[in-house]
Amino acid sequence: MGPQAEPEIVAFAVPVNYILRMTHDDLLTWRQWYGLTQAQAANRLGLTERMFRFYESGSHPIPLKVRLACAAVALGFIDYAGPAKKPTMESLDGKA
């Protein structure tokens, strides 16, 4: 057996100005670029679909944490599993 090839690492550049000044149009473009529905994009960013729609429509300013989450997706971070589930009494007792 020969040595295994190292996996290729691809770096993506995300302009800081893009993140700091992301508009609702930019958010729409981001979602469309990744081929996501509003529900999928909301889940990927840890938001409710309703809040995502507010941000994308421009009726609410996009918080920095959402802009940073968009950058994380652009950089290839995919380990986020959606919003945290509220703990139940069973899970707190170690029964679930």
Protein backbone atom coordinates (compact mmCIF):
# COMPACT_ATOMS: atom_id res chain seq x y z
CA MET A 1 0.00 0.00 0.00
CA GLY A 2 1.29 3.42 -0.93
CA PRO A 3 0.79 6.68 0.93
CA GLN A 4 -2.70 8.10 0.81
CA ALA A 5 -3.25 11.38 -0.95
CA GLU A 6 -4.04 14.37 1.23
CA PRO A 7 -7.58 15.71 0.73
CA GLU A 8 -7.71 18.93 -1.22
CA ILE A 9 -8.57 21.95 0.91
CA VAL A 10 -10.46 24.68 -0.87
CA ALA A 11 -10.62 28.12 0.71
CA PHE A 12 -13.44 30.49 -0.06
CA ALA A 13 -13.08 34.22 0.31
CA VAL A 14 -16.00 35.99 1.95
CA PRO A 15 -15.55 39.76 1.77
CA VAL A 16 -15.89 41.37 5.19
CA ASN A 17 -17.83 44.27 3.70
CA TYR A 18 -20.37 41.82 2.31
CA ILE A 19 -21.02 40.42 5.78
CA LEU A 20 -21.06 43.79 7.52
CA ARG A 21 -23.39 45.40 4.99
CA MET A 22 -25.60 42.45 3.95
CA THR A 23 -28.97 43.69 2.72
CA HIS A 24 -32.20 41.77 2.27
CA ASP A 25 -31.39 41.57 -1.46
CA ASP A 26 -28.02 40.03 -0.58
CA LEU A 27 -29.75 37.50 1.66
CA LEU A 28 -32.09 36.56 -1.18
CA THR A 29 -29.11 36.19 -3.52
CA TRP A 30 -27.30 34.05 -0.92
CA ARG A 31 -30.29 31.74 -0.55
CA GLN A 32 -30.78 31.41 -4.30
CA TRP A 33 -27.06 30.78 -4.85
CA TYR A 34 -27.26 27.73 -2.58
CA GLY A 35 -30.57 26.59 -4.07
CA LEU A 36 -32.38 26.69 -0.75
CA THR A 37 -36.03 27.29 0.01
CA GLN A 38 -36.79 29.81 2.74
CA ALA A 39 -37.50 26.93 5.14
CA GLN A 40 -34.19 25.22 4.31
CA ALA A 41 -32.22 28.47 4.63
CA ALA A 42 -33.90 29.25 7.95
CA ASN A 43 -33.01 25.82 9.31
CA ARG A 44 -29.43 26.09 8.05
CA LEU A 45 -29.08 29.43 9.87
CA GLY A 46 -30.87 28.36 13.07
CA LEU A 47 -33.87 30.62 12.49
CA THR A 48 -37.58 30.14 12.27
CA GLU A 49 -38.92 30.40 8.74
CA ARG A 50 -40.96 33.42 9.82
CA MET A 51 -37.87 35.34 10.99
CA PHE A 52 -35.98 34.41 7.85
CA ARG A 53 -38.84 35.79 5.74
CA PHE A 54 -38.75 39.03 7.76
CA TYR A 55 -35.03 39.44 7.10
CA GLU A 56 -35.30 38.53 3.43
CA SER A 57 -38.22 40.90 2.85
CA GLY A 58 -36.35 43.80 4.45
CA SER A 59 -38.94 44.38 7.16
CA HIS A 60 -36.33 43.64 9.87
CA PRO A 61 -32.60 44.42 9.83
CA ILE A 62 -30.37 41.34 9.50
CA PRO A 63 -28.54 40.75 12.81
CA LEU A 64 -24.79 40.22 12.78
CA LYS A 65 -25.17 36.62 14.00
CA VAL A 66 -27.30 35.81 10.93
CA ARG A 67 -24.79 37.50 8.62
CA LEU A 68 -21.98 35.51 10.25
CA ALA A 69 -23.98 32.30 9.87
CA CYS A 70 -24.34 33.05 6.15
CA ALA A 71 -20.56 33.45 5.96
CA ALA A 72 -20.06 30.15 7.78
CA VAL A 73 -22.26 28.36 5.24
CA ALA A 74 -20.31 30.06 2.44
CA LEU A 75 -17.09 28.76 4.01
CA GLY A 76 -18.43 25.22 4.02
CA PHE A 77 -19.45 24.72 7.64
CA ILE A 78 -22.20 22.12 7.54
CA ASP A 79 -22.15 20.62 11.03
CA TYR A 80 -25.01 22.71 12.36
CA ALA A 81 -28.02 20.48 12.98
CA GLY A 82 -30.74 23.12 13.19
CA PRO A 83 -32.24 24.91 16.16
CA ALA A 84 -31.75 23.37 19.57
CA LYS A 85 -34.70 21.44 20.89
CA LYS A 86 -36.16 22.52 24.20
CA PRO A 87 -35.23 20.03 26.91
CA THR A 88 -38.00 17.89 28.36
CA MET A 89 -38.22 16.71 31.95
CA GLU A 90 -37.33 13.21 30.75
CA SER A 91 -34.18 14.39 29.01
CA LEU A 92 -33.16 16.40 32.07
CA ASP A 93 -33.67 13.31 34.26
CA GLY A 94 -31.59 11.23 31.84
CA LYS A 95 -34.56 9.06 30.84
CA ALA A 96 -34.74 10.11 27.20
